[in-house]
Amino acid sequence: MKLVELAKKAINLLQDAGDKGFNNIDLAQKLHMPRRRVYDIIAILRAAGLVEAKREKGGTRIKWRGIPVVSEVKPDSSVSHDLTEKLDKITEEKNELESQIDELKDKILKLKEEQETSTMEVSTIKTKFEVQKISIKTLKSAKITKVQTSPIEIILEADKKGFVIEPG
């Protein structure tokens, strides 16, 4: 028979014996097992606080104590109230931060949309040259797409930036 089964039978016998208890030698005879097994079972039950063992003449008397009852502990109401207030405050701060994050996300999205839809306007500074010739320097890859002339000004349009106009 396994130790677990023997322990269950020993517990049942001790519970049935009540306040009278059992002598360890009698318990070993009743369970038909060696005393060393009874000592093992009793040691475990004592460690768990389920039985009391008292040495007597002619053996050890074992009494069932039962499972210890744990009483319910109620926290101090002022401590509980303080913790509740702190929790409420932290929750409120968290909600406020989340709303600020949402507002910032919306602003970023609006700025991205504006950036994508807006066109860049390049303003130029008109310089008056008192000459009849000018030189235009540009990148090799830049191409002039349109030239307009009038008696007053010359307008150049290109596909890229990077023009330098100097008096020639």
Protein backbone atom coordinates (compact mmCIF):
# COMPACT_ATOMS: atom_id res chain seq x y z
CA MET A 1 0.00 0.00 0.00
CA LYS A 2 1.30 3.47 -0.86
CA LEU A 3 2.16 6.05 1.75
CA VAL A 4 -0.54 8.41 0.46
CA GLU A 5 -3.25 5.79 0.94
CA LEU A 6 -1.93 4.95 4.41
CA ALA A 7 -1.93 8.66 5.32
CA LYS A 8 -5.57 9.01 4.21
CA LYS A 9 -6.61 6.02 6.33
CA ALA A 10 -4.64 7.37 9.32
CA ILE A 11 -6.34 10.77 8.98
CA ASN A 12 -9.79 9.12 8.91
CA LEU A 13 -8.99 7.07 12.03
CA LEU A 14 -7.63 10.12 13.90
CA GLN A 15 -10.68 12.21 12.99
CA ASP A 16 -13.03 9.45 14.15
CA ALA A 17 -11.11 9.06 17.45
CA GLY A 18 -11.80 12.71 18.37
CA ASP A 19 -10.27 14.08 21.60
CA LYS A 20 -9.26 10.61 22.77
CA GLY A 21 -6.73 10.28 19.93
CA PHE A 22 -4.65 7.22 19.07
CA ASN A 23 -1.47 5.69 20.37
CA ASN A 24 1.10 5.40 17.56
CA ILE A 25 1.59 1.68 18.23
CA ASP A 26 -2.17 1.05 18.10
CA LEU A 27 -2.40 3.10 14.89
CA ALA A 28 0.33 0.99 13.25
CA GLN A 29 -1.50 -2.22 14.24
CA LYS A 30 -4.86 -0.90 13.05
CA LEU A 31 -3.39 0.06 9.64
CA HIS A 32 -1.32 -3.15 9.40
CA MET A 33 1.90 -1.31 8.69
CA PRO A 34 5.32 -0.89 10.33
CA ARG A 35 5.74 1.82 12.99
CA ARG A 36 8.33 3.70 10.92
CA ARG A 37 5.61 4.41 8.33
CA VAL A 38 3.37 5.78 11.11
CA TYR A 39 6.25 8.02 12.24
CA ASP A 40 6.61 9.35 8.66
CA ILE A 41 2.88 10.11 8.39
CA ILE A 42 2.75 11.73 11.86
CA ALA A 43 5.82 13.89 11.09
CA ILE A 44 4.18 15.27 7.95
CA LEU A 45 0.83 15.87 9.67
CA ARG A 46 2.59 17.62 12.59
CA ALA A 47 4.54 19.83 10.18
CA ALA A 48 1.26 20.82 8.53
CA GLY A 49 -0.26 21.56 11.96
CA LEU A 50 -3.02 18.97 11.58
CA VAL A 51 -2.21 16.75 14.59
CA GLU A 52 -0.79 17.06 18.10
CA ALA A 53 1.63 14.48 19.40
CA LYS A 54 2.21 13.96 23.13
CA ARG A 55 4.73 11.46 24.49
CA GLU A 56 3.28 9.00 26.98
CA LYS A 57 4.34 5.86 28.69
CA GLY A 58 4.01 3.12 26.11
CA GLY A 59 4.09 5.31 22.97
CA THR A 60 2.97 8.65 21.62
CA ARG A 61 -0.63 9.83 21.78
CA ILE A 62 -1.75 11.50 18.53
CA LYS A 63 -4.82 13.77 18.43
CA TRP A 64 -6.47 15.32 15.41
CA ARG A 65 -6.42 19.12 15.53
CA GLY A 66 -8.06 19.81 12.22
CA ILE A 67 -7.38 22.32 9.54
CA PRO A 68 -6.45 25.71 11.01
CA VAL A 69 -9.07 28.38 10.38
CA VAL A 70 -7.82 31.61 8.89
CA SER A 71 -9.89 34.56 9.99
CA GLU A 72 -10.78 37.21 7.49
CA VAL A 73 -8.68 40.33 7.82
CA LYS A 74 -10.36 43.59 6.92
CA PRO A 75 -8.12 46.49 5.97
CA ASP A 76 -8.27 49.75 7.88
CA SER A 77 -10.94 51.92 6.23
CA SER A 78 -8.74 55.04 6.21
CA VAL A 79 -5.93 53.18 4.42
CA SER A 80 -8.42 51.75 1.96
CA HIS A 81 -9.90 55.21 1.35
CA ASP A 82 -6.43 56.75 0.80
CA LEU A 83 -5.50 54.03 -1.67
CA THR A 84 -8.78 54.49 -3.52
CA GLU A 85 -8.15 58.23 -3.80
CA LYS A 86 -4.61 57.65 -5.09
CA LEU A 87 -5.89 55.14 -7.63
CA ASP A 88 -8.56 57.58 -8.82
CA LYS A 89 -5.98 60.37 -9.15
CA ILE A 90 -3.59 58.16 -11.13
CA THR A 91 -6.42 57.00 -13.38
CA GLU A 92 -7.43 60.62 -14.03
CA GLU A 93 -3.83 61.58 -14.89
CA LYS A 94 -3.55 58.58 -17.20
CA ASN A 95 -6.75 59.56 -19.03
CA GLU A 96 -5.52 63.15 -19.37
CA LEU A 97 -2.20 62.00 -20.82
CA GLU A 98 -3.97 59.68 -23.25
CA SER A 99 -6.16 62.55 -24.48
CA GLN A 100 -3.05 64.74 -24.95
CA ILE A 101 -1.42 61.94 -26.94
CA ASP A 102 -4.53 61.68 -29.15
CA GLU A 103 -4.50 65.46 -29.75
CA LEU A 104 -0.81 65.38 -30.71
CA LYS A 105 -1.42 62.47 -33.10
CA ASP A 106 -4.23 64.46 -34.76
CA LYS A 107 -1.95 67.51 -35.12
CA ILE A 108 0.78 65.38 -36.69
CA LEU A 109 -1.69 63.88 -39.17
CA LYS A 110 -2.99 67.34 -40.13
CA LEU A 111 0.55 68.64 -40.62
CA LYS A 112 1.42 65.64 -42.81
CA GLU A 113 -1.72 66.18 -44.91
CA GLU A 114 -0.95 69.89 -45.29
CA GLN A 115 2.62 69.10 -46.27
CA GLU A 116 1.49 66.62 -48.92
CA THR A 117 -1.13 68.92 -50.43
CA SER A 118 0.76 72.20 -50.27
CA THR A 119 2.97 73.38 -53.09
CA MET A 120 6.20 75.14 -52.43
CA GLU A 121 6.27 78.72 -53.55
CA VAL A 122 9.66 80.08 -54.44
CA SER A 123 10.03 83.79 -54.36
CA THR A 124 12.85 85.37 -56.24
CA ILE A 125 14.64 88.59 -55.73
CA LYS A 126 14.72 90.75 -58.80
CA THR A 127 18.03 92.43 -59.35
CA LYS A 128 18.53 95.29 -61.73
CA PHE A 129 21.59 94.86 -63.90
CA GLU A 130 22.90 97.92 -65.74
CA VAL A 131 24.29 95.75 -68.54
CA GLN A 132 23.15 94.35 -71.79
CA LYS A 133 24.56 90.86 -71.23
CA ILE A 134 24.00 88.37 -68.40
CA SER A 135 25.40 84.91 -67.80
CA ILE A 136 23.35 82.02 -66.45
CA LYS A 137 25.11 79.20 -64.63
CA THR A 138 23.21 76.00 -63.86
CA LEU A 139 23.65 72.35 -63.06
CA LYS A 140 24.16 70.09 -66.07
CA SER A 141 21.05 68.09 -65.21
CA ALA A 142 18.82 71.18 -64.86
CA LYS A 143 16.89 72.08 -67.98
CA ILE A 144 15.26 75.39 -68.80
CA THR A 145 11.69 74.62 -69.74
CA LYS A 146 10.36 78.09 -70.58
CA VAL A 147 11.81 81.50 -71.40
CA GLN A 148 9.66 84.64 -71.56
CA THR A 149 11.05 87.99 -72.43
CA SER A 150 9.66 91.44 -72.35
CA PRO A 151 11.29 94.85 -72.63
CA ILE A 152 11.35 94.97 -68.83
CA GLU A 153 12.28 91.42 -67.67
CA ILE A 154 13.25 87.88 -68.59
CA ILE A 155 11.43 84.98 -66.91
CA LEU A 156 13.12 81.58 -66.83
CA GLU A 157 11.37 78.39 -65.72
CA ALA A 158 13.31 75.20 -65.08
CA ASP A 159 12.71 71.69 -63.83
CA LYS A 160 15.20 72.06 -60.95
CA LYS A 161 16.68 74.65 -58.64
CA GLY A 162 20.27 75.79 -58.86
CA PHE A 163 20.54 78.75 -61.24
CA VAL A 164 22.99 81.59 -60.74
CA ILE A 165 22.49 84.74 -62.80
CA GLU A 166 25.31 87.25 -63.00
CA PRO A 167 26.00 90.35 -65.06
CA GLY A 168 27.97 89.27 -68.07
